C-alpha atoms as a PDB file:
ATOM      1  CA  MET A   1      16.966   2.775  15.652  1.00  0.00           C
ATOM      2  CA  SER A   2      15.105   3.051  12.380  1.00  0.00           C
ATOM      3  CA  LEU A   3      16.387   1.980   9.002  1.00  0.00           C
ATOM      4  CA  ASP A   4      17.915   4.438   6.556  1.00  0.00           C
ATOM      5  CA  ILE A   5      17.184   3.340   3.008  1.00  0.00           C
ATOM      6  CA  PRO A   6      17.337   5.793   0.082  1.00  0.00           C
ATOM      7  CA  PRO A   7      14.078   6.424  -1.838  1.00  0.00           C
ATOM      8  CA  GLU A   8      15.225   4.529  -4.969  1.00  0.00           C
ATOM      9  CA  GLU A   9      16.108   1.442  -2.927  1.00  0.00           C
ATOM     10  CA  PHE A  10      12.821   1.649  -1.014  1.00  0.00           C
ATOM     11  CA  GLU A  11      10.857   1.815  -4.286  1.00  0.00           C
ATOM     12  CA  ARG A  12      12.745  -1.247  -5.542  1.00  0.00           C
ATOM     13  CA  LEU A  13      11.679  -3.141  -2.398  1.00  0.00           C
ATOM     14  CA  VAL A  14       8.052  -2.093  -2.972  1.00  0.00           C
ATOM     15  CA  VAL A  15       8.175  -3.386  -6.565  1.00  0.00           C
ATOM     16  CA  GLU A  16       9.707  -6.668  -5.381  1.00  0.00           C
ATOM     17  CA  GLU A  17       6.990  -7.110  -2.750  1.00  0.00           C
ATOM     18  CA  LEU A  18       4.292  -6.297  -5.325  1.00  0.00           C
ATOM     19  CA  ASP A  19       5.714  -9.074  -7.495  1.00  0.00           C
ATOM     20  CA  GLU A  20       5.405 -11.471  -4.534  1.00  0.00           C
ATOM     21  CA  LEU A  21       1.659 -10.871  -4.106  1.00  0.00           C
ATOM     22  CA  PRO A  22      -0.726 -13.566  -5.403  1.00  0.00           C
ATOM     23  CA  ASP A  23      -1.797 -13.035  -9.013  1.00  0.00           C
ATOM     24  CA  GLU A  24      -5.481 -13.197  -8.085  1.00  0.00           C
ATOM     25  CA  MET A  25      -4.969 -10.205  -5.804  1.00  0.00           C
ATOM     26  CA  VAL A  26      -3.094  -8.068  -8.325  1.00  0.00           C
ATOM     27  CA  ASP A  27      -4.734  -9.109 -11.615  1.00  0.00           C
ATOM     28  CA  GLY A  28      -8.058  -7.516 -10.647  1.00  0.00           C
ATOM     29  CA  LEU A  29      -6.535  -4.077 -10.091  1.00  0.00           C
ATOM     30  CA  GLU A  30      -7.665  -1.668 -12.781  1.00  0.00           C
ATOM     31  CA  ASN A  31      -6.436   1.879 -13.211  1.00  0.00           C
ATOM     32  CA  VAL A  32      -4.417   1.829  -9.981  1.00  0.00           C
ATOM     33  CA  VAL A  33      -0.974   3.323  -9.537  1.00  0.00           C
ATOM     34  CA  PHE A  34       1.402   2.571  -6.694  1.00  0.00           C
ATOM     35  CA  VAL A  35       3.168   5.600  -5.275  1.00  0.00           C
ATOM     36  CA  VAL A  36       5.846   6.054  -2.627  1.00  0.00           C
ATOM     37  CA  GLU A  37       5.866   9.295  -0.658  1.00  0.00           C
ATOM     38  CA  ASP A  38       8.081  10.240   2.282  1.00  0.00           C
ATOM     39  CA  ARG A  39       5.201  10.794   4.704  1.00  0.00           C
ATOM     40  CA  PRO A  40       1.512  11.766   4.780  1.00  0.00           C
ATOM     41  CA  GLU A  41       0.532  15.397   4.130  1.00  0.00           C
ATOM     42  CA  ASP A  42       0.065  16.013   7.852  1.00  0.00           C
ATOM     43  CA  GLY A  43       3.675  14.954   8.415  1.00  0.00           C
ATOM     44  CA  SER A  44       2.778  12.179  10.858  1.00  0.00           C
ATOM     45  CA  LEU A  45       4.595   8.881  11.162  1.00  0.00           C
ATOM     46  CA  ASP A  46       1.402   7.048  12.205  1.00  0.00           C
ATOM     47  CA  VAL A  47       0.164   6.078   8.730  1.00  0.00           C
ATOM     48  CA  LEU A  48       2.061   3.440   6.725  1.00  0.00           C
ATOM     49  CA  GLY A  49      -0.059   3.578   3.591  1.00  0.00           C
ATOM     50  CA  THR A  50      -3.357   4.718   2.182  1.00  0.00           C
ATOM     51  CA  TYR A  51      -5.791   3.921  -0.600  1.00  0.00           C
ATOM     52  CA  ASP A  52      -6.890   7.016  -2.497  1.00  0.00           C
ATOM     53  CA  GLY A  53      -9.842   6.115  -4.687  1.00  0.00           C
ATOM     54  CA  VAL A  54     -13.296   4.569  -4.862  1.00  0.00           C
ATOM     55  CA  ALA A  55     -13.579   0.900  -3.924  1.00  0.00           C
ATOM     56  CA  VAL A  56     -14.709  -1.448  -6.683  1.00  0.00           C
ATOM     57  CA  THR A  57     -17.778  -2.302  -4.620  1.00  0.00           C
ATOM     58  CA  GLU A  58     -18.857   1.359  -4.595  1.00  0.00           C
ATOM     59  CA  ARG A  59     -18.332   2.233  -8.267  1.00  0.00           C
ATOM     60  CA  ASP A  60     -21.131   2.555 -10.764  1.00  0.00           C
ATOM     61  CA  ARG A  61     -18.830   2.120 -13.699  1.00  0.00           C
ATOM     62  CA  TYR A  62     -15.369   3.323 -14.516  1.00  0.00           C
ATOM     63  CA  GLY A  63     -15.385   6.010 -17.173  1.00  0.00           C
ATOM     64  CA  PHE A  64     -12.770   6.659 -19.803  1.00  0.00           C
ATOM     65  CA  GLY A  65     -10.194   9.222 -18.743  1.00  0.00           C
ATOM     66  CA  GLU A  66     -10.722   8.779 -15.014  1.00  0.00           C
ATOM     67  CA  MET A  67      -7.734   9.619 -12.883  1.00  0.00           C
ATOM     68  CA  PRO A  68      -6.239   6.398 -11.553  1.00  0.00           C
ATOM     69  CA  ASP A  69      -6.774   5.356  -7.972  1.00  0.00           C
ATOM     70  CA  ARG A  70      -3.607   5.534  -5.919  1.00  0.00           C
ATOM     71  CA  ILE A  71      -2.134   3.210  -3.356  1.00  0.00           C
ATOM     72  CA  ILE A  72       0.437   5.217  -1.454  1.00  0.00           C
ATOM     73  CA  LEU A  73       3.137   3.791   0.778  1.00  0.00           C
ATOM     74  CA  PHE A  74       4.862   6.187   3.153  1.00  0.00           C
ATOM     75  CA  ARG A  75       8.589   5.556   3.298  1.00  0.00           C
ATOM     76  CA  GLU A  76       9.557   7.333   6.540  1.00  0.00           C
ATOM     77  CA  PRO A  77       6.822   5.789   8.744  1.00  0.00           C
ATOM     78  CA  LEU A  78       7.638   2.314   7.392  1.00  0.00           C
ATOM     79  CA  LEU A  79      11.357   2.808   7.986  1.00  0.00           C
ATOM     80  CA  ALA A  80      10.684   4.155  11.488  1.00  0.00           C
ATOM     81  CA  ILE A  81       9.069   0.899  12.691  1.00  0.00           C
ATOM     82  CA  CYS A  82      11.594  -1.537  11.196  1.00  0.00           C
ATOM     83  CA  ASP A  83      14.970  -2.679  12.473  1.00  0.00           C
ATOM     84  CA  ASP A  84      16.169  -4.522   9.367  1.00  0.00           C
ATOM     85  CA  GLU A  85      15.358  -5.103   5.703  1.00  0.00           C
ATOM     86  CA  ASP A  86      13.468  -8.363   6.327  1.00  0.00           C
ATOM     87  CA  GLU A  87      11.154  -6.619   8.748  1.00  0.00           C
ATOM     88  CA  LEU A  88      10.729  -3.763   6.244  1.00  0.00           C
ATOM     89  CA  ARG A  89       9.811  -6.215   3.478  1.00  0.00           C
ATOM     90  CA  ASP A  90       7.197  -7.788   5.769  1.00  0.00           C
ATOM     91  CA  GLU A  91       5.694  -4.393   6.647  1.00  0.00           C
ATOM     92  CA  ILE A  92       5.631  -3.312   2.976  1.00  0.00           C
ATOM     93  CA  HIS A  93       3.925  -6.609   2.091  1.00  0.00           C
ATOM     94  CA  VAL A  94       1.259  -6.255   4.795  1.00  0.00           C
ATOM     95  CA  THR A  95       0.684  -2.586   3.896  1.00  0.00           C
ATOM     96  CA  LEU A  96       0.235  -3.446   0.197  1.00  0.00           C
ATOM     97  CA  VAL A  97      -2.249  -6.220   1.042  1.00  0.00           C
ATOM     98  CA  HIS A  98      -4.101  -3.870   3.404  1.00  0.00           C
ATOM     99  CA  GLU A  99      -4.460  -1.056   0.844  1.00  0.00           C
ATOM    100  CA  ILE A 100      -5.296  -3.405  -2.038  1.00  0.00           C
ATOM    101  CA  ALA A 101      -8.027  -4.865   0.192  1.00  0.00           C
ATOM    102  CA  HIS A 102      -9.534  -1.375   0.496  1.00  0.00           C
ATOM    103  CA  TYR A 103      -9.592  -1.203  -3.329  1.00  0.00           C
ATOM    104  CA  TYR A 104     -11.706  -4.378  -3.276  1.00  0.00           C
ATOM    105  CA  GLY A 105     -14.015  -2.863  -0.657  1.00  0.00           C
ATOM    106  CA  ILE A 106     -12.719  -4.788   2.363  1.00  0.00           C
ATOM    107  CA  ASP A 107     -12.827  -2.547   5.427  1.00  0.00           C
ATOM    108  CA  ASP A 108     -10.494  -2.455   8.427  1.00  0.00           C
ATOM    109  CA  GLU A 109     -12.887  -4.499  10.567  1.00  0.00           C
ATOM    110  CA  ARG A 110     -12.877  -7.375   8.056  1.00  0.00           C
ATOM    111  CA  LEU A 111      -9.090  -7.086   7.680  1.00  0.00           C
ATOM    112  CA  HIS A 112      -8.743  -7.525  11.447  1.00  0.00           C
ATOM    113  CA  GLU A 113     -10.901 -10.658  11.250  1.00  0.00           C
ATOM    114  CA  LEU A 114      -8.632 -11.996   8.492  1.00  0.00           C
ATOM    115  CA  GLY A 115      -5.499 -11.118  10.477  1.00  0.00           C
ATOM    116  CA  TRP A 116      -4.221  -8.442   8.070  1.00  0.00           C
ATOM    117  CA  ALA A 117      -4.649  -5.357  10.222  1.00  0.00           C
END
């Protein structure tokens, strides 16, 4: 059975987990917004989050007026794999770390080596 948590409550949990991340991970984020959506555009429940932007390692320079990069967490897929709020908090935390790592140019292979994927 999956959890049923309203969108506002889910967003509050995301903000709380963001606050728990190490400062050195979050302080380097520039022009990034965190977004919660119900599910990916294709409607699947397979993707927990995504990084929509250009990794720091691949940027020439960041121009004025650029649209912010987005780190998107998908509420329904995350709820579908969790049995309780503690498990949900853990999954949100890991998903945030995973997507922030992509911002810094760390790919899935390296994340696996580090134990985050």
